[in-house]
Amino acid sequence: MAFIDYIPEDRASEELKKLYDRYRAAWGGVDNIIRIHGPNPPSMEKHNELYRHLMRGPSPLSFVQREMIAVVVSVANRCHY
């Protein structure tokens, strides 16, 4: 669970509902790492821009290598994201 409160989908404003729908994960819900930006929707969009750039932008590392680094860092930080 995040230390930052998130806004549940059933209490989200129309603007936030649209963002939740845009960033819905393959499993059908919105990941907590995205939902924590609910109180500040512009930060949700900026977070996603940064993530896409880091994971999919030009790099000498492949996407798989970047994912492996993210997993190792998450484990080291005891973060389930």
PDB file of N, CA and C in Angstrom:
ATOM      1  N   MET A   1       0.841  -1.185   0.000  1.00  0.00           N
ATOM      2  CA  MET A   1       0.000   0.000   0.000  1.00  0.00           C
ATOM      3  C   MET A   1       0.881   1.242   0.000  1.00  0.00           C
ATOM      4  N   ALA A   2       0.480   2.221  -0.769  1.00  0.00           N
ATOM      5  CA  ALA A   2       1.233   3.467  -0.852  1.00  0.00           C
ATOM      6  C   ALA A   2       1.044   4.294   0.421  1.00  0.00           C
ATOM      7  N   PHE A   3       2.030   5.100   0.731  1.00  0.00           N
ATOM      8  CA  PHE A   3       1.925   6.018   1.860  1.00  0.00           C
ATOM      9  C   PHE A   3       1.099   7.242   1.489  1.00  0.00           C
ATOM     10  N   ILE A   4       0.903   7.453   0.214  1.00  0.00           N
ATOM     11  CA  ILE A   4       0.125   8.575  -0.280  1.00  0.00           C
ATOM     12  C   ILE A   4      -1.291   8.060  -0.557  1.00  0.00           C
ATOM     13  N   ASP A   5      -2.285   8.720   0.015  1.00  0.00           N
ATOM     14  CA  ASP A   5      -3.667   8.305  -0.228  1.00  0.00           C
ATOM     15  C   ASP A   5      -4.010   8.491  -1.697  1.00  0.00           C
ATOM     16  N   TYR A   6      -4.779   7.565  -2.229  1.00  0.00           N
ATOM     17  CA  TYR A   6      -5.237   7.702  -3.595  1.00  0.00           C
ATOM     18  C   TYR A   6      -6.752   7.849  -3.611  1.00  0.00           C
ATOM     19  N   ILE A   7      -7.249   8.352  -4.732  1.00  0.00           N
ATOM     20  CA  ILE A   7      -8.685   8.557  -4.888  1.00  0.00           C
ATOM     21  C   ILE A   7      -9.248   7.322  -5.586  1.00  0.00           C
ATOM     22  N   PRO A   8     -10.133   6.607  -4.923  1.00  0.00           N
ATOM     23  CA  PRO A   8     -10.733   5.426  -5.554  1.00  0.00           C
ATOM     24  C   PRO A   8     -11.498   5.823  -6.818  1.00  0.00           C
ATOM     25  N   GLU A   9     -11.582   4.897  -7.750  1.00  0.00           N
ATOM     26  CA  GLU A   9     -12.244   5.196  -9.013  1.00  0.00           C
ATOM     27  C   GLU A   9     -13.682   5.647  -8.834  1.00  0.00           C
ATOM     28  N   ASP A  10     -14.380   5.089  -7.865  1.00  0.00           N
ATOM     29  CA  ASP A  10     -15.791   5.449  -7.680  1.00  0.00           C
ATOM     30  C   ASP A  10     -15.974   6.840  -7.065  1.00  0.00           C
ATOM     31  N   ARG A  11     -14.882   7.476  -6.635  1.00  0.00           N
ATOM     32  CA  ARG A  11     -14.960   8.839  -6.078  1.00  0.00           C
ATOM     33  C   ARG A  11     -14.175   9.843  -6.923  1.00  0.00           C
ATOM     34  N   ALA A  12     -13.717   9.398  -8.086  1.00  0.00           N
ATOM     35  CA  ALA A  12     -12.900  10.253  -8.946  1.00  0.00           C
ATOM     36  C   ALA A  12     -13.761  11.264  -9.694  1.00  0.00           C
ATOM     37  N   SER A  13     -13.189  12.451  -9.911  1.00  0.00           N
ATOM     38  CA  SER A  13     -13.852  13.462 -10.741  1.00  0.00           C
ATOM     39  C   SER A  13     -13.892  12.948 -12.184  1.00  0.00           C
ATOM     40  N   GLU A  14     -14.649  13.635 -13.038  1.00  0.00           N
ATOM     41  CA  GLU A  14     -14.715  13.228 -14.449  1.00  0.00           C
ATOM     42  C   GLU A  14     -13.333  13.269 -15.095  1.00  0.00           C
ATOM     43  N   GLU A  15     -12.563  14.333 -14.791  1.00  0.00           N
ATOM     44  CA  GLU A  15     -11.211  14.457 -15.341  1.00  0.00           C
ATOM     45  C   GLU A  15     -10.350  13.275 -14.903  1.00  0.00           C
ATOM     46  N   LEU A  16     -10.418  12.945 -13.626  1.00  0.00           N
ATOM     47  CA  LEU A  16      -9.606  11.862 -13.100  1.00  0.00           C
ATOM     48  C   LEU A  16     -10.074  10.508 -13.632  1.00  0.00           C
ATOM     49  N   LYS A  17     -11.370  10.317 -13.792  1.00  0.00           N
ATOM     50  CA  LYS A  17     -11.888   9.066 -14.373  1.00  0.00           C
ATOM     51  C   LYS A  17     -11.327   8.856 -15.772  1.00  0.00           C
ATOM     52  N   LYS A  18     -11.247   9.932 -16.551  1.00  0.00           N
ATOM     53  CA  LYS A  18     -10.687   9.829 -17.908  1.00  0.00           C
ATOM     54  C   LYS A  18      -9.227   9.408 -17.861  1.00  0.00           C
ATOM     55  N   LEU A  19      -8.477   9.965 -16.911  1.00  0.00           N
ATOM     56  CA  LEU A  19      -7.072   9.584 -16.786  1.00  0.00           C
ATOM     57  C   LEU A  19      -6.939   8.147 -16.307  1.00  0.00           C
ATOM     58  N   TYR A  20      -7.753   7.748 -15.338  1.00  0.00           N
ATOM     59  CA  TYR A  20      -7.730   6.360 -14.882  1.00  0.00           C
ATOM     60  C   TYR A  20      -8.014   5.419 -16.061  1.00  0.00           C
ATOM     61  N   ASP A  21      -8.979   5.769 -16.898  1.00  0.00           N
ATOM     62  CA  ASP A  21      -9.281   4.930 -18.060  1.00  0.00           C
ATOM     63  C   ASP A  21      -8.110   4.897 -19.039  1.00  0.00           C
ATOM     64  N   ARG A  22      -7.456   6.027 -19.224  1.00  0.00           N
ATOM     65  CA  ARG A  22      -6.318   6.102 -20.152  1.00  0.00           C
ATOM     66  C   ARG A  22      -5.155   5.231 -19.674  1.00  0.00           C
ATOM     67  N   TYR A  23      -4.939   5.193 -18.361  1.00  0.00           N
ATOM     68  CA  TYR A  23      -3.780   4.484 -17.820  1.00  0.00           C
ATOM     69  C   TYR A  23      -4.134   3.146 -17.184  1.00  0.00           C
ATOM     70  N   ARG A  24      -5.310   2.621 -17.522  1.00  0.00           N
ATOM     71  CA  ARG A  24      -5.739   1.324 -16.997  1.00  0.00           C
ATOM     72  C   ARG A  24      -4.758   0.239 -17.451  1.00  0.00           C
ATOM     73  N   ALA A  25      -4.388  -0.624 -16.520  1.00  0.00           N
ATOM     74  CA  ALA A  25      -3.428  -1.694 -16.796  1.00  0.00           C
ATOM     75  C   ALA A  25      -4.119  -2.875 -17.479  1.00  0.00           C
ATOM     76  N   ALA A  26      -3.311  -3.765 -18.004  1.00  0.00           N
ATOM     77  CA  ALA A  26      -3.835  -4.943 -18.704  1.00  0.00           C
ATOM     78  C   ALA A  26      -4.724  -5.795 -17.810  1.00  0.00           C
ATOM     79  N   TRP A  27      -4.496  -5.759 -16.506  1.00  0.00           N
ATOM     80  CA  TRP A  27      -5.286  -6.576 -15.588  1.00  0.00           C
ATOM     81  C   TRP A  27      -6.672  -5.968 -15.320  1.00  0.00           C
ATOM     82  N   GLY A  28      -6.936  -4.764 -15.859  1.00  0.00           N
ATOM     83  CA  GLY A  28      -8.256  -4.164 -15.754  1.00  0.00           C
ATOM     84  C   GLY A  28      -8.391  -3.037 -14.756  1.00  0.00           C
ATOM     85  N   GLY A  29      -7.416  -2.867 -13.881  1.00  0.00           N
ATOM     86  CA  GLY A  29      -7.455  -1.800 -12.894  1.00  0.00           C
ATOM     87  C   GLY A  29      -6.358  -0.780 -13.134  1.00  0.00           C
ATOM     88  N   VAL A  30      -6.248   0.160 -12.222  1.00  0.00           N
ATOM     89  CA  VAL A  30      -5.218   1.196 -12.299  1.00  0.00           C
ATOM     90  C   VAL A  30      -4.188   0.901 -11.217  1.00  0.00           C
ATOM     91  N   ASP A  31      -2.933   0.788 -11.620  1.00  0.00           N
ATOM     92  CA  ASP A  31      -1.860   0.498 -10.664  1.00  0.00           C
ATOM     93  C   ASP A  31      -1.764   1.593  -9.608  1.00  0.00           C
ATOM     94  N   ASN A  32      -1.432   1.193  -8.383  1.00  0.00           N
ATOM     95  CA  ASN A  32      -1.319   2.160  -7.283  1.00  0.00           C
ATOM     96  C   ASN A  32      -0.312   3.257  -7.588  1.00  0.00           C
ATOM     97  N   ILE A  33       0.772   2.921  -8.272  1.00  0.00           N
ATOM     98  CA  ILE A  33       1.803   3.919  -8.584  1.00  0.00           C
ATOM     99  C   ILE A  33       1.224   5.038  -9.456  1.00  0.00           C
ATOM    100  N   ILE A  34       0.169   4.736 -10.186  1.00  0.00           N
ATOM    101  CA  ILE A  34      -0.532   5.750 -10.977  1.00  0.00           C
ATOM    102  C   ILE A  34      -1.585   6.446 -10.121  1.00  0.00           C
ATOM    103  N   ARG A  35      -2.332   5.685  -9.350  1.00  0.00           N
ATOM    104  CA  ARG A  35      -3.433   6.249  -8.557  1.00  0.00           C
ATOM    105  C   ARG A  35      -2.968   7.253  -7.509  1.00  0.00           C
ATOM    106  N   ILE A  36      -1.729   7.135  -7.039  1.00  0.00           N
ATOM    107  CA  ILE A  36      -1.277   8.095  -6.026  1.00  0.00           C
ATOM    108  C   ILE A  36      -1.218   9.521  -6.572  1.00  0.00           C
ATOM    109  N   HIS A  37      -1.257   9.659  -7.883  1.00  0.00           N
ATOM    110  CA  HIS A  37      -1.252  10.993  -8.491  1.00  0.00           C
ATOM    111  C   HIS A  37      -2.652  11.588  -8.596  1.00  0.00           C
ATOM    112  N   GLY A  38      -3.668  10.873  -8.148  1.00  0.00           N
ATOM    113  CA  GLY A  38      -5.048  11.333  -8.265  1.00  0.00           C
ATOM    114  C   GLY A  38      -5.308  12.735  -7.755  1.00  0.00           C
ATOM    115  N   PRO A  39      -4.751  13.121  -6.604  1.00  0.00           N
ATOM    116  CA  PRO A  39      -4.991  14.490  -6.119  1.00  0.00           C
ATOM    117  C   PRO A  39      -4.377  15.567  -7.016  1.00  0.00           C
ATOM    118  N   ASN A  40      -3.457  15.178  -7.894  1.00  0.00           N
ATOM    119  CA  ASN A  40      -2.791  16.128  -8.778  1.00  0.00           C
ATOM    120  C   ASN A  40      -2.711  15.509 -10.181  1.00  0.00           C
ATOM    121  N   PRO A  41      -3.832  15.518 -10.936  1.00  0.00           N
ATOM    122  CA  PRO A  41      -3.856  14.850 -12.236  1.00  0.00           C
ATOM    123  C   PRO A  41      -2.742  15.237 -13.205  1.00  0.00           C
ATOM    124  N   PRO A  42      -2.301  16.506 -13.270  1.00  0.00           N
ATOM    125  CA  PRO A  42      -1.191  16.806 -14.181  1.00  0.00           C
ATOM    126  C   PRO A  42       0.078  15.998 -13.853  1.00  0.00           C
ATOM    127  N   SER A  43       0.296  15.707 -12.564  1.00  0.00           N
ATOM    128  CA  SER A  43       1.488  14.915 -12.222  1.00  0.00           C
ATOM    129  C   SER A  43       1.341  13.480 -12.712  1.00  0.00           C
ATOM    130  N   MET A  44       0.101  12.980 -12.817  1.00  0.00           N
ATOM    131  CA  MET A  44      -0.128  11.640 -13.340  1.00  0.00           C
ATOM    132  C   MET A  44       0.327  11.560 -14.798  1.00  0.00           C
ATOM    133  N   GLU A  45      -0.026  12.575 -15.563  1.00  0.00           N
ATOM    134  CA  GLU A  45       0.385  12.602 -16.961  1.00  0.00           C
ATOM    135  C   GLU A  45       1.903  12.747 -17.096  1.00  0.00           C
ATOM    136  N   LYS A  46       2.506  13.605 -16.289  1.00  0.00           N
ATOM    137  CA  LYS A  46       3.958  13.795 -16.349  1.00  0.00           C
ATOM    138  C   LYS A  46       4.701  12.524 -15.922  1.00  0.00           C
ATOM    139  N   HIS A  47       4.182  11.835 -14.904  1.00  0.00           N
ATOM    140  CA  HIS A  47       4.786  10.572 -14.460  1.00  0.00           C
ATOM    141  C   HIS A  47       4.794   9.567 -15.612  1.00  0.00           C
ATOM    142  N   ASN A  48       3.682   9.470 -16.327  1.00  0.00           N
ATOM    143  CA  ASN A  48       3.600   8.537 -17.438  1.00  0.00           C
ATOM    144  C   ASN A  48       4.513   8.925 -18.592  1.00  0.00           C
ATOM    145  N   GLU A  49       4.635  10.215 -18.851  1.00  0.00           N
ATOM    146  CA  GLU A  49       5.569  10.672 -19.886  1.00  0.00           C
ATOM    147  C   GLU A  49       6.996  10.271 -19.528  1.00  0.00           C
ATOM    148  N   LEU A  50       7.384  10.499 -18.281  1.00  0.00           N
ATOM    149  CA  LEU A  50       8.725  10.144 -17.831  1.00  0.00           C
ATOM    150  C   LEU A  50       8.947   8.634 -17.932  1.00  0.00           C
ATOM    151  N   TYR A  51       7.979   7.850 -17.459  1.00  0.00           N
ATOM    152  CA  TYR A  51       8.096   6.392 -17.513  1.00  0.00           C
ATOM    153  C   TYR A  51       8.255   5.914 -18.956  1.00  0.00           C
ATOM    154  N   ARG A  52       7.405   6.414 -19.865  1.00  0.00           N
ATOM    155  CA  ARG A  52       7.501   5.997 -21.270  1.00  0.00           C
ATOM    156  C   ARG A  52       8.860   6.343 -21.850  1.00  0.00           C
ATOM    157  N   HIS A  53       9.362   7.527 -21.526  1.00  0.00           N
ATOM    158  CA  HIS A  53      10.671   7.933 -22.039  1.00  0.00           C
ATOM    159  C   HIS A  53      11.780   7.026 -21.496  1.00  0.00           C
ATOM    160  N   LEU A  54      11.741   6.760 -20.196  1.00  0.00           N
ATOM    161  CA  LEU A  54      12.785   5.936 -19.590  1.00  0.00           C
ATOM    162  C   LEU A  54      12.745   4.493 -20.086  1.00  0.00           C
ATOM    163  N   MET A  55      11.556   3.958 -20.265  1.00  0.00           N
ATOM    164  CA  MET A  55      11.428   2.548 -20.610  1.00  0.00           C
ATOM    165  C   MET A  55      11.402   2.293 -22.115  1.00  0.00           C
ATOM    166  N   ARG A  56      10.935   3.234 -22.889  1.00  0.00           N
ATOM    167  CA  ARG A  56      10.772   3.010 -24.330  1.00  0.00           C
ATOM    168  C   ARG A  56      11.586   3.956 -25.205  1.00  0.00           C
ATOM    169  N   GLY A  57      12.164   5.000 -24.596  1.00  0.00           N
ATOM    170  CA  GLY A  57      12.919   5.977 -25.370  1.00  0.00           C
ATOM    171  C   GLY A  57      14.278   5.438 -25.803  1.00  0.00           C
ATOM    172  N   PRO A  58      15.009   6.220 -26.576  1.00  0.00           N
ATOM    173  CA  PRO A  58      16.330   5.806 -27.045  1.00  0.00           C
ATOM    174  C   PRO A  58      17.251   5.479 -25.871  1.00  0.00           C
ATOM    175  N   SER A  59      17.965   4.361 -25.988  1.00  0.00           N
ATOM    176  CA  SER A  59      18.858   3.933 -24.918  1.00  0.00           C
ATOM    177  C   SER A  59      19.747   2.802 -25.429  1.00  0.00           C
ATOM    178  N   PRO A  60      20.965   2.693 -24.902  1.00  0.00           N
ATOM    179  CA  PRO A  60      21.780   1.521 -25.249  1.00  0.00           C
ATOM    180  C   PRO A  60      21.251   0.245 -24.584  1.00  0.00           C
ATOM    181  N   LEU A  61      20.327   0.387 -23.634  1.00  0.00           N
ATOM    182  CA  LEU A  61      19.743  -0.774 -22.963  1.00  0.00           C
ATOM    183  C   LEU A  61      18.449  -1.188 -23.655  1.00  0.00           C
ATOM    184  N   SER A  62      18.217  -2.477 -23.738  1.00  0.00           N
ATOM    185  CA  SER A  62      16.956  -2.958 -24.297  1.00  0.00           C
ATOM    186  C   SER A  62      15.831  -2.749 -23.277  1.00  0.00           C
ATOM    187  N   PHE A  63      14.596  -2.892 -23.753  1.00  0.00           N
ATOM    188  CA  PHE A  63      13.452  -2.793 -22.845  1.00  0.00           C
ATOM    189  C   PHE A  63      13.544  -3.862 -21.762  1.00  0.00           C
ATOM    190  N   VAL A  64      13.912  -5.068 -22.141  1.00  0.00           N
ATOM    191  CA  VAL A  64      14.024  -6.169 -21.171  1.00  0.00           C
ATOM    192  C   VAL A  64      15.084  -5.852 -20.118  1.00  0.00           C
ATOM    193  N   GLN A  65      16.216  -5.299 -20.528  1.00  0.00           N
ATOM    194  CA  GLN A  65      17.254  -4.932 -19.559  1.00  0.00           C
ATOM    195  C   GLN A  65      16.738  -3.860 -18.595  1.00  0.00           C
ATOM    196  N   ARG A  66      16.003  -2.899 -19.118  1.00  0.00           N
ATOM    197  CA  ARG A  66      15.461  -1.842 -18.262  1.00  0.00           C
ATOM    198  C   ARG A  66      14.447  -2.413 -17.273  1.00  0.00           C
ATOM    199  N   GLU A  67      13.608  -3.334 -17.739  1.00  0.00           N
ATOM    200  CA  GLU A  67      12.647  -3.985 -16.843  1.00  0.00           C
ATOM    201  C   GLU A  67      13.371  -4.771 -15.750  1.00  0.00           C
ATOM    202  N   MET A  68      14.444  -5.461 -16.114  1.00  0.00           N
ATOM    203  CA  MET A  68      15.206  -6.222 -15.114  1.00  0.00           C
ATOM    204  C   MET A  68      15.797  -5.294 -14.061  1.00  0.00           C
ATOM    205  N   ILE A  69      16.308  -4.147 -14.479  1.00  0.00           N
ATOM    206  CA  ILE A  69      16.843  -3.169 -13.530  1.00  0.00           C
ATOM    207  C   ILE A  69      15.723  -2.700 -12.599  1.00  0.00           C
ATOM    208  N   ALA A  70      14.548  -2.419 -13.161  1.00  0.00           N
ATOM    209  CA  ALA A  70      13.417  -1.962 -12.343  1.00  0.00           C
ATOM    210  C   ALA A  70      13.016  -3.015 -11.315  1.00  0.00           C
ATOM    211  N   VAL A  71      13.033  -4.273 -11.706  1.00  0.00           N
ATOM    212  CA  VAL A  71      12.680  -5.352 -10.780  1.00  0.00           C
ATOM    213  C   VAL A  71      13.691  -5.438  -9.649  1.00  0.00           C
ATOM    214  N   VAL A  72      14.977  -5.389  -9.973  1.00  0.00           N
ATOM    215  CA  VAL A  72      16.021  -5.483  -8.954  1.00  0.00           C
ATOM    216  C   VAL A  72      15.922  -4.309  -7.979  1.00  0.00           C
ATOM    217  N   VAL A  73      15.706  -3.109  -8.500  1.00  0.00           N
ATOM    218  CA  VAL A  73      15.579  -1.931  -7.637  1.00  0.00           C
ATOM    219  C   VAL A  73      14.348  -2.061  -6.745  1.00  0.00           C
ATOM    220  N   SER A  74      13.241  -2.532  -7.298  1.00  0.00           N
ATOM    221  CA  SER A  74      12.027  -2.710  -6.497  1.00  0.00           C
ATOM    222  C   SER A  74      12.243  -3.724  -5.383  1.00  0.00           C
ATOM    223  N   VAL A  75      12.903  -4.824  -5.694  1.00  0.00           N
ATOM    224  CA  VAL A  75      13.187  -5.837  -4.671  1.00  0.00           C
ATOM    225  C   VAL A  75      14.099  -5.252  -3.597  1.00  0.00           C
ATOM    226  N   ALA A  76      15.143  -4.543  -4.007  1.00  0.00           N
ATOM    227  CA  ALA A  76      16.072  -3.938  -3.038  1.00  0.00           C
ATOM    228  C   ALA A  76      15.355  -2.946  -2.127  1.00  0.00           C
ATOM    229  N   ASN A  77      14.352  -2.253  -2.679  1.00  0.00           N
ATOM    230  CA  ASN A  77      13.596  -1.270  -1.902  1.00  0.00           C
ATOM    231  C   ASN A  77      12.368  -1.873  -1.210  1.00  0.00           C
ATOM    232  N   ARG A  78      12.207  -3.180  -1.351  1.00  0.00           N
ATOM    233  CA  ARG A  78      11.032  -3.882  -0.799  1.00  0.00           C
ATOM    234  C   ARG A  78       9.726  -3.239  -1.282  1.00  0.00           C
ATOM    235  N   CYS A  79       9.712  -2.914  -2.553  1.00  0.00           N
ATOM    236  CA  CYS A  79       8.562  -2.271  -3.176  1.00  0.00           C
ATOM    237  C   CYS A  79       7.894  -3.268  -4.116  1.00  0.00           C
ATOM    238  N   HIS A  80       6.611  -3.493  -3.939  1.00  0.00           N
ATOM    239  CA  HIS A  80       5.919  -4.468  -4.781  1.00  0.00           C
ATOM    240  C   HIS A  80       5.481  -3.915  -6.127  1.00  0.00           C
ATOM    241  N   TYR A  81       5.743  -2.645  -6.404  1.00  0.00           N
ATOM    242  CA  TYR A  81       5.364  -2.087  -7.707  1.00  0.00           C
ATOM    243  C   TYR A  81       6.240  -2.681  -8.778  1.00  0.00           C
TER     244      TYR A  81
END
